[in-house]
Amino acid sequence: MRFTDFISLIIDNLSRRKGRVLLTAIGVVIGTAAVVTLVSLGVGLQQSATSQLWGINDLTSIEVYPGYPMAEGPMMQQITEDDIKKLTPDAVESFKAIPGVTQVVVKQYIQGGMEISLDKLSAWGSAMGVNLTDLKDIGLESSQGVTTISKGKVVVGSAFNNNFYDPNPRPNSEPFTPPDLMGQKLKIKLTRWSEDGTTSTKSYVLEVVGVLAETRGESDYNMYMVLDEVTQWNEWFAGKRIDYKKDGYNQVTVKVESPKIVVDITNQITDMGYQAYTPQSTVEGINSYFSTMQLVFGGVGAIALLVAAIGIANTMTMAILERTREIGIMKAVGATNNNILTIFLGEAAGIGFLGGIGGVLVGWAICAVINALGGSMLATGGGMGTQLAASIPFWLPVFSIAFATLIGLISGLYPALNAATLIPVDALKYE
């Protein structure tokens, strides 16, 4: 029998029992749609979480902090300055010597109170000094102005202007709008408190030469300055000269060549006794979690398909009982056991195939609704609904249809074997 004749025969046989085939295929549709929807939901949530993390930080960056010994309870009170693994210039050089490290950036925060004023507006903010002149070197881009800093010239994060407020708001006034800081000259007032309770102040003027593009990370809220200027301010706060060889830096950012090696280098830095964090570790954890979720979701859908398989087996068993005489006639005119087996297996697989196609279409429609609802929630500030997303990977429809077809094939195997082994004489006598 030619393949085309075989397909035509299967289509004709299925067409003779449209109602039963349709009801059986609906079970496969539900199971396949469940697989597509649940797995796509898992993939979409994974992509959403990962993309958000990409926005928070560059996956080739490692944030390094001073190392503290592991201690609990009373032992914590016994930790001294000598026990802390500090980020000294020697430590910075040791990081640079690690294969795969491309850059090490020192970060130092203002260690005292800083009041900022712009016209009639006031703000409390934080400033960070870095040992570079162009913030592009650490992956930051500007939305306004430049990314280069120098003495008296600063670059602020995209959300830094949210720190400002009107200290004397007028009744029934318009809602406060954060100022545009680009090109503005900020008046800085530093305040130092002495042990005797007295205070002293210093004033500076800083010009904003650039505003950074949004990163959804700490850079959005920072004001970047040259390291030497921050060091001078901190020395004034402390009332003494700062020796970084002794005191160390607040934080160091280590840039590496590729995300593939970032975890390995993070482990090397941790082994040196420092605290190290990279978003890549979080990404791996997210991927592991959502991979497990996808397996669970897929398993739920597979159970639904297995239930549908029982329906296919029942349908094929009924078809064989109804067509026993037909099978006998086919064998009488020369059909072999393999011919009969192939025909009924083809019909069972056909039901699975049709149900798989229908399930993929239904699953796609459900995913479209989920994404539409998720987008609507996002637009209206719908809380946790902003995370709702479904993404159908290119392999999933093919896999789902193939799996549904395989389920149909397997579920039809036993009835098909029974049909193939019927004795022609007995089949012809069947009423």
Protein backbone atom coordinates (compact mmCIF):
# COMPACT_ATOMS: atom_id res chain seq x y z
CA MET A 1 0.00 0.00 0.00
CA ARG A 2 1.35 3.37 -1.02
CA PHE A 3 1.82 5.99 1.72
CA THR A 4 -0.70 8.36 0.10
CA ASP A 5 -3.29 5.59 -0.07
CA PHE A 6 -2.58 4.78 3.56
CA ILE A 7 -3.16 8.42 4.62
CA SER A 8 -6.35 8.65 2.56
CA LEU A 9 -7.68 5.46 4.17
CA ILE A 10 -6.98 6.79 7.66
CA ILE A 11 -8.71 10.10 6.88
CA ASP A 12 -11.74 8.27 5.44
CA ASN A 13 -11.99 6.00 8.49
CA LEU A 14 -11.76 8.93 10.92
CA SER A 15 -14.29 10.92 8.89
CA ARG A 16 -16.86 8.14 9.29
CA ARG A 17 -16.88 8.72 13.08
CA LYS A 18 -16.57 12.50 13.28
CA GLY A 19 -18.46 12.89 16.56
CA ARG A 20 -16.52 10.24 18.45
CA VAL A 21 -13.19 11.36 17.01
CA LEU A 22 -13.96 14.97 17.92
CA LEU A 23 -14.85 14.13 21.51
CA THR A 24 -11.72 12.01 21.88
CA ALA A 25 -9.54 14.69 20.29
CA ILE A 26 -10.91 17.29 22.74
CA GLY A 27 -9.21 15.43 25.57
CA VAL A 28 -5.91 15.64 23.68
CA VAL A 29 -6.55 19.31 22.96
CA ILE A 30 -7.01 20.03 26.67
CA GLY A 31 -3.87 18.13 27.61
CA THR A 32 -1.75 19.71 24.88
CA ALA A 33 -3.10 23.19 25.65
CA ALA A 34 -2.20 22.64 29.31
CA VAL A 35 1.37 21.66 28.36
CA VAL A 36 1.80 24.65 26.04
CA THR A 37 0.26 27.15 28.45
CA LEU A 38 1.99 26.01 31.63
CA VAL A 39 5.43 25.56 30.08
CA SER A 40 5.13 28.90 28.25
CA LEU A 41 4.12 30.57 31.50
CA GLY A 42 7.21 29.16 33.19
CA VAL A 43 9.45 30.30 30.31
CA GLY A 44 7.85 33.75 30.26
CA LEU A 45 8.25 34.26 34.01
CA GLN A 46 11.87 33.15 33.74
CA GLN A 47 12.56 35.58 30.92
CA SER A 48 10.80 38.39 32.80
CA ALA A 49 12.79 37.80 35.98
CA THR A 50 16.08 37.46 34.09
CA SER A 51 15.49 40.58 31.99
CA GLN A 52 14.76 42.58 35.12
CA LEU A 53 18.02 41.37 36.61
CA TRP A 54 19.86 42.30 33.42
CA GLY A 55 18.53 45.81 33.87
CA ILE A 56 19.70 45.94 37.47
CA ASN A 57 23.27 45.08 36.78
CA ASP A 58 25.77 44.02 34.19
CA LEU A 59 26.26 40.27 34.40
CA THR A 60 30.00 40.75 33.85
CA SER A 61 30.34 42.78 37.06
CA ILE A 62 31.25 41.55 40.53
CA GLU A 63 30.64 43.76 43.55
CA VAL A 64 33.25 43.13 46.23
CA TYR A 65 33.03 44.21 49.88
CA PRO A 66 35.32 43.83 52.90
CA GLY A 67 35.39 40.33 54.33
CA TYR A 68 34.13 39.64 57.82
CA PRO A 69 34.91 36.44 59.74
CA MET A 70 32.07 33.98 60.25
CA ALA A 71 30.95 34.37 63.84
CA GLU A 72 27.72 34.25 65.79
CA GLY A 73 26.51 35.25 69.22
CA PRO A 74 29.14 36.42 71.69
CA MET A 75 31.91 35.77 69.14
CA MET A 76 30.59 38.67 67.02
CA GLN A 77 31.50 41.08 69.82
CA GLN A 78 35.09 39.87 69.76
CA ILE A 79 35.70 40.79 66.09
CA THR A 80 38.27 43.55 65.79
CA GLU A 81 39.45 45.77 62.93
CA ASP A 82 42.33 43.38 62.36
CA ASP A 83 39.89 40.54 61.72
CA ILE A 84 38.27 42.35 58.78
CA LYS A 85 39.64 41.59 55.34
CA LYS A 86 39.86 45.13 53.98
CA LEU A 87 39.81 46.30 50.38
CA THR A 88 43.25 47.84 50.32
CA PRO A 89 45.20 48.93 47.21
CA ASP A 90 47.08 45.61 47.46
CA ALA A 91 43.74 43.78 47.30
CA VAL A 92 42.80 45.80 44.21
CA GLU A 93 46.07 44.73 42.55
CA SER A 94 45.40 41.08 43.45
CA PHE A 95 42.01 41.31 41.76
CA LYS A 96 43.59 42.78 38.63
CA ALA A 97 45.99 39.82 38.50
CA ILE A 98 43.16 37.26 38.23
CA PRO A 99 42.96 35.89 34.65
CA GLY A 100 39.82 37.15 32.91
CA VAL A 101 39.54 40.39 34.92
CA THR A 102 39.47 43.43 32.63
CA GLN A 103 39.04 46.26 35.11
CA VAL A 104 38.83 47.01 38.82
CA VAL A 105 36.97 50.15 39.90
CA VAL A 106 37.30 51.57 43.41
CA LYS A 107 34.17 53.05 45.01
CA GLN A 108 34.13 55.23 48.11
CA TYR A 109 31.05 56.76 49.75
CA ILE A 110 30.65 60.03 51.59
CA GLN A 111 31.01 59.24 55.30
CA GLY A 112 28.96 62.12 56.72
CA GLY A 113 25.88 64.27 56.32
CA MET A 114 25.42 66.05 52.99
CA GLU A 115 22.63 68.55 52.41
CA ILE A 116 21.94 69.62 48.83
CA SER A 117 20.07 72.71 47.72
CA LEU A 118 18.91 73.96 44.33
CA ASP A 119 17.14 77.31 44.32
CA LYS A 120 14.33 76.83 46.88
CA LEU A 121 14.53 73.03 46.83
CA SER A 122 16.40 70.84 49.29
CA ALA A 123 17.60 67.24 49.24
CA TRP A 124 19.53 64.67 51.21
CA GLY A 125 21.67 62.49 49.04
CA SER A 126 24.67 60.23 48.78
CA ALA A 127 27.79 60.69 46.72
CA MET A 128 30.18 58.05 45.44
CA GLY A 129 33.77 58.62 44.44
CA VAL A 130 35.31 56.42 41.74
CA ASN A 131 38.88 56.10 40.48
CA LEU A 132 38.04 56.81 36.85
CA THR A 133 37.00 59.77 34.75
CA ASP A 134 34.52 58.21 32.34
CA LEU A 135 31.60 56.23 33.74
CA LYS A 136 31.23 54.43 30.41
CA ASP A 137 34.15 52.31 31.61
CA ILE A 138 31.77 50.64 34.09
CA GLY A 139 28.94 50.25 31.61
CA LEU A 140 26.95 53.42 32.40
CA GLU A 141 25.45 55.56 29.66
CA SER A 142 24.05 59.09 29.77
CA SER A 143 20.56 60.22 28.90
CA GLN A 144 21.67 63.86 29.13
CA GLY A 145 25.09 65.45 28.90
CA VAL A 146 28.27 63.42 29.33
CA THR A 147 29.54 60.56 31.48
CA THR A 148 32.88 62.13 32.36
CA ILE A 149 33.56 63.50 35.84
CA SER A 150 36.23 65.84 37.18
CA LYS A 151 36.77 67.99 40.24
CA GLY A 152 33.61 70.06 40.79
CA LYS A 153 31.85 68.26 37.90
CA VAL A 154 29.48 65.42 38.77
CA VAL A 155 27.17 62.97 37.01
CA VAL A 156 23.91 61.94 38.70
CA GLY A 157 21.68 58.90 38.35
CA SER A 158 18.31 59.01 36.59
CA ALA A 159 16.38 59.00 39.89
CA PHE A 160 18.69 61.27 41.89
CA ASN A 161 16.33 64.23 41.34
CA ASN A 162 13.66 62.35 43.30
CA ASN A 163 15.64 63.20 46.45
CA PHE A 164 14.59 66.85 46.13
CA TYR A 165 11.60 68.34 47.92
CA ASP A 166 10.11 71.73 48.62
CA PRO A 167 10.68 72.53 52.31
CA ASN A 168 8.02 75.26 52.22
CA PRO A 169 5.16 73.94 50.09
CA ARG A 170 2.21 76.24 49.49
CA PRO A 171 -1.30 75.09 50.34
CA ASN A 172 -3.27 73.67 47.39
CA SER A 173 -0.19 73.88 45.18
CA GLU A 174 0.39 71.64 42.18
CA PRO A 175 1.97 68.23 42.85
CA PHE A 176 5.72 68.50 43.23
CA THR A 177 7.71 67.79 40.07
CA PRO A 178 11.34 66.68 40.49
CA PRO A 179 13.71 69.19 38.91
CA ASP A 180 15.77 68.67 35.79
CA LEU A 181 19.32 68.59 37.17
CA MET A 182 21.18 68.71 33.88
CA GLY A 183 23.49 71.74 33.82
CA GLN A 184 22.43 72.84 37.31
CA LYS A 185 24.83 73.94 40.01
CA LEU A 186 24.12 72.19 43.28
CA LYS A 187 25.05 73.80 46.58
CA ILE A 188 26.49 71.21 48.95
CA LYS A 189 26.59 71.67 52.69
CA LEU A 190 28.63 69.19 54.72
CA THR A 191 27.99 68.91 58.43
CA ARG A 192 30.37 67.42 60.97
CA TRP A 193 29.38 66.57 64.52
CA SER A 194 32.01 66.69 67.23
CA GLU A 195 32.07 64.56 70.36
CA ASP A 196 31.20 67.60 72.48
CA GLY A 197 27.99 68.09 70.49
CA THR A 198 29.12 71.04 68.43
CA THR A 199 28.85 71.12 64.66
CA SER A 200 30.90 72.59 61.86
CA THR A 201 30.03 72.99 58.21
CA LYS A 202 31.66 73.32 54.81
CA SER A 203 30.09 74.40 51.55
CA TYR A 204 30.83 73.45 47.96
CA VAL A 205 29.29 74.00 44.55
CA LEU A 206 29.06 71.08 42.14
CA GLU A 207 27.98 71.31 38.51
CA VAL A 208 25.88 68.50 37.04
CA VAL A 209 27.42 67.70 33.65
CA GLY A 210 25.44 64.53 32.93
CA VAL A 211 22.41 62.45 33.88
CA LEU A 212 22.69 58.68 33.54
CA ALA A 213 20.27 56.48 31.69
CA GLU A 214 18.04 54.36 33.92
CA THR A 215 19.55 51.06 35.09
CA ARG A 216 17.05 50.13 37.82
CA GLY A 217 20.03 49.69 40.12
CA GLU A 218 21.99 51.64 42.70
CA SER A 219 23.46 53.93 40.04
CA ASP A 220 20.02 55.52 39.55
CA TYR A 221 20.26 57.09 43.02
CA ASN A 222 23.97 57.98 43.17
CA MET A 223 25.92 61.10 42.48
CA TYR A 224 29.30 60.24 40.99
CA MET A 225 32.41 62.25 41.83
CA VAL A 226 36.15 61.81 41.43
CA LEU A 227 37.67 59.69 44.18
CA ASP A 228 40.15 62.36 45.35
CA GLU A 229 37.34 64.85 46.06
CA VAL A 230 35.36 62.32 48.11
CA THR A 231 38.54 61.40 49.95
CA GLN A 232 39.08 65.07 50.90
CA TRP A 233 35.52 65.33 52.18
CA ASN A 234 35.83 62.14 54.22
CA GLU A 235 39.12 63.32 55.71
CA TRP A 236 37.37 66.51 56.83
CA PHE A 237 34.56 64.46 58.38
CA ALA A 238 37.05 62.20 60.16
CA GLY A 239 39.38 65.03 61.14
CA LYS A 240 42.38 63.00 60.00
CA ARG A 241 44.14 61.76 56.92
CA ILE A 242 42.72 58.59 55.37
CA ASP A 243 45.20 55.82 54.65
CA TYR A 244 43.60 53.37 52.22
CA LYS A 245 46.46 50.92 52.78
CA LYS A 246 45.23 50.65 56.36
CA ASP A 247 41.51 51.48 56.19
CA GLY A 248 40.67 50.11 52.75
CA TYR A 249 37.89 51.16 50.38
CA ASN A 250 34.14 50.76 50.87
CA GLN A 251 33.52 48.77 47.73
CA VAL A 252 35.22 47.53 44.58
CA THR A 253 33.65 46.57 41.24
CA VAL A 254 35.47 43.87 39.30
CA LYS A 255 34.71 43.63 35.56
CA VAL A 256 35.37 40.34 33.76
CA GLU A 257 35.58 39.31 30.11
CA SER A 258 32.46 37.16 29.91
CA PRO A 259 29.43 36.11 32.00
CA LYS A 260 30.65 32.52 31.53
CA ILE A 261 33.58 33.04 33.92
CA VAL A 262 32.03 35.51 36.36
CA VAL A 263 30.93 32.85 38.87
CA ASP A 264 34.37 31.21 38.86
CA ILE A 265 36.11 34.55 39.49
CA THR A 266 33.54 35.38 42.18
CA ASN A 267 34.48 32.14 43.94
CA GLN A 268 38.18 33.01 43.67
CA ILE A 269 37.58 36.39 45.30
CA THR A 270 35.47 34.78 48.03
CA ASP A 271 38.28 32.29 48.68
CA MET A 272 40.57 35.28 49.28
CA GLY A 273 38.38 36.20 52.25
CA TYR A 274 36.24 38.98 50.72
CA GLN A 275 32.48 39.21 50.24
CA ALA A 276 31.56 39.08 46.58
CA TYR A 277 28.22 39.34 44.83
CA THR A 278 27.29 38.96 41.19
CA PRO A 279 23.85 38.95 39.56
CA GLN A 280 25.01 35.93 37.56
CA SER A 281 24.64 33.74 40.66
CA THR A 282 21.09 34.99 41.05
CA VAL A 283 20.43 34.34 37.36
CA GLU A 284 21.63 30.74 37.74
CA GLY A 285 19.37 30.31 40.76
CA ILE A 286 16.44 31.78 38.83
CA ASN A 287 17.12 29.49 35.86
CA SER A 288 17.30 26.44 38.14
CA TYR A 289 14.06 27.38 39.88
CA PHE A 290 12.12 28.06 36.71
CA SER A 291 13.51 24.95 34.98
CA THR A 292 12.07 22.92 37.85
CA MET A 293 8.82 24.87 37.54
CA GLN A 294 8.65 24.10 33.81
CA LEU A 295 9.13 20.39 34.52
CA VAL A 296 6.34 20.48 37.10
CA PHE A 297 4.06 22.44 34.79
CA GLY A 298 4.87 20.12 31.90
CA GLY A 299 4.17 17.12 34.15
CA VAL A 300 0.72 18.49 35.00
CA GLY A 301 -0.03 18.88 31.31
CA ALA A 302 1.36 15.40 30.58
CA ILE A 303 -1.03 13.91 33.15
CA ALA A 304 -3.90 15.52 31.28
CA LEU A 305 -2.58 13.95 28.07
CA LEU A 306 -2.36 10.54 29.74
CA VAL A 307 -6.01 10.85 30.72
CA ALA A 308 -6.74 11.68 27.08
CA ALA A 309 -4.78 8.55 26.08
CA ILE A 310 -7.33 6.44 27.93
CA GLY A 311 -10.01 8.05 25.81
CA ILE A 312 -8.11 7.24 22.62
CA ALA A 313 -7.64 3.62 23.71
CA ASN A 314 -11.34 3.36 24.46
CA THR A 315 -12.28 4.92 21.12
CA MET A 316 -10.03 2.53 19.19
CA THR A 317 -11.34 -0.47 21.12
CA MET A 318 -14.90 0.49 20.26
CA ALA A 319 -13.90 1.04 16.62
CA ILE A 320 -12.41 -2.43 16.41
CA LEU A 321 -15.53 -4.03 17.89
CA GLU A 322 -17.67 -2.16 15.37
CA ARG A 323 -15.39 -3.02 12.46
CA THR A 324 -14.63 -6.65 13.26
CA ARG A 325 -16.37 -7.91 10.10
CA GLU A 326 -14.58 -5.21 8.09
CA ILE A 327 -11.25 -6.46 9.45
CA GLY A 328 -12.22 -10.02 8.52
CA ILE A 329 -13.05 -8.97 4.95
CA MET A 330 -9.74 -7.04 4.66
CA LYS A 331 -7.82 -10.13 5.74
CA ALA A 332 -9.87 -12.35 3.42
CA VAL A 333 -8.84 -10.23 0.41
CA GLY A 334 -5.16 -10.37 1.35
CA ALA A 335 -4.48 -7.75 4.06
CA THR A 336 -1.67 -8.84 6.38
CA ASN A 337 -1.48 -8.42 10.16
CA ASN A 338 1.02 -5.57 9.65
CA ASN A 339 -1.39 -3.84 7.29
CA ILE A 340 -4.19 -3.98 9.88
CA LEU A 341 -1.81 -2.93 12.67
CA THR A 342 -0.55 0.02 10.65
CA ILE A 343 -4.04 1.24 9.76
CA PHE A 344 -5.32 1.30 13.34
CA LEU A 345 -2.10 2.72 14.72
CA GLY A 346 -2.31 5.42 12.06
CA GLU A 347 -5.87 6.26 13.11
CA ALA A 348 -4.87 6.50 16.79
CA ALA A 349 -1.85 8.64 15.92
CA GLY A 350 -4.09 10.78 13.70
CA ILE A 351 -6.40 11.53 16.62
CA GLY A 352 -3.37 12.49 18.71
CA PHE A 353 -1.99 14.63 15.88
CA LEU A 354 -5.25 16.52 15.36
CA GLY A 355 -5.62 17.01 19.11
CA GLY A 356 -2.02 18.23 19.30
CA ILE A 357 -2.60 20.87 16.62
CA GLY A 358 -5.79 22.01 18.30
CA GLY A 359 -4.08 22.10 21.69
CA VAL A 360 -1.21 24.23 20.37
CA LEU A 361 -3.70 26.72 18.88
CA VAL A 362 -5.70 26.87 22.11
CA GLY A 363 -2.51 27.18 24.17
CA TRP A 364 -1.31 30.02 21.94
CA ALA A 365 -4.63 31.82 22.41
CA ILE A 366 -4.46 31.40 26.20
CA CYS A 367 -0.88 32.73 26.25
CA ALA A 368 -1.99 35.74 24.20
CA VAL A 369 -4.73 36.45 26.75
CA ILE A 370 -2.26 36.08 29.65
CA ASN A 371 0.16 38.52 28.04
CA ALA A 372 -2.65 40.97 27.25
CA LEU A 373 -3.86 40.85 30.85
CA GLY A 374 -0.30 41.12 32.11
CA GLY A 375 0.33 44.18 29.91
CA SER A 376 -2.90 45.75 31.13
CA MET A 377 -1.88 45.19 34.75
CA LEU A 378 1.52 46.67 34.03
CA ALA A 379 -0.04 49.76 32.49
CA THR A 380 -2.31 50.26 35.51
CA GLY A 381 0.26 49.40 38.14
CA GLY A 382 -1.20 46.06 38.97
CA GLY A 383 1.33 44.98 41.60
CA MET A 384 2.50 41.41 41.23
CA GLY A 385 0.56 41.16 37.96
CA THR A 386 3.38 43.06 36.31
CA GLN A 387 5.40 39.83 36.43
CA LEU A 388 2.74 37.82 34.58
CA ALA A 389 4.04 36.72 31.20
CA ALA A 390 3.97 33.75 28.87
CA SER A 391 6.46 33.03 26.11
CA ILE A 392 6.16 30.10 23.72
CA PRO A 393 9.63 28.80 22.79
CA PHE A 394 10.01 27.79 19.15
CA TRP A 395 10.47 24.10 20.03
CA LEU A 396 7.37 23.79 22.22
CA PRO A 397 4.65 23.59 19.50
CA VAL A 398 6.63 20.96 17.59
CA PHE A 399 7.32 18.99 20.76
CA SER A 400 3.70 19.21 21.90
CA ILE A 401 2.28 17.98 18.59
CA ALA A 402 4.87 15.19 18.42
CA PHE A 403 4.18 14.18 22.02
CA ALA A 404 0.41 14.19 21.49
CA THR A 405 0.88 12.06 18.36
CA LEU A 406 3.11 9.65 20.30
CA ILE A 407 0.53 9.42 23.08
CA GLY A 408 -2.10 8.57 20.49
CA LEU A 409 0.20 5.98 18.93
CA ILE A 410 0.95 4.30 22.24
CA SER A 411 -2.65 4.35 23.44
CA GLY A 412 -3.78 2.74 20.19
CA LEU A 413 -1.13 0.02 20.28
CA TYR A 414 -3.05 -2.56 22.33
CA PRO A 415 -6.35 -2.21 20.42
CA ALA A 416 -4.43 -2.30 17.11
CA LEU A 417 -2.63 -5.51 18.13
CA ASN A 418 -5.98 -7.07 18.98
CA ALA A 419 -7.30 -6.06 15.57
CA ALA A 420 -4.25 -7.41 13.76
CA THR A 421 -4.42 -10.81 15.44
CA LEU A 422 -8.10 -11.43 14.73
CA ILE A 423 -8.75 -14.73 12.94
CA PRO A 424 -10.46 -13.95 9.61
CA VAL A 425 -13.10 -16.73 9.96
CA ASP A 426 -14.09 -15.61 13.44
CA ALA A 427 -14.13 -11.95 12.37
CA LEU A 428 -16.46 -12.68 9.48
CA LYS A 429 -18.85 -14.51 11.81
CA TYR A 430 -18.96 -11.55 14.24
CA GLU A 431 -22.34 -9.82 14.40
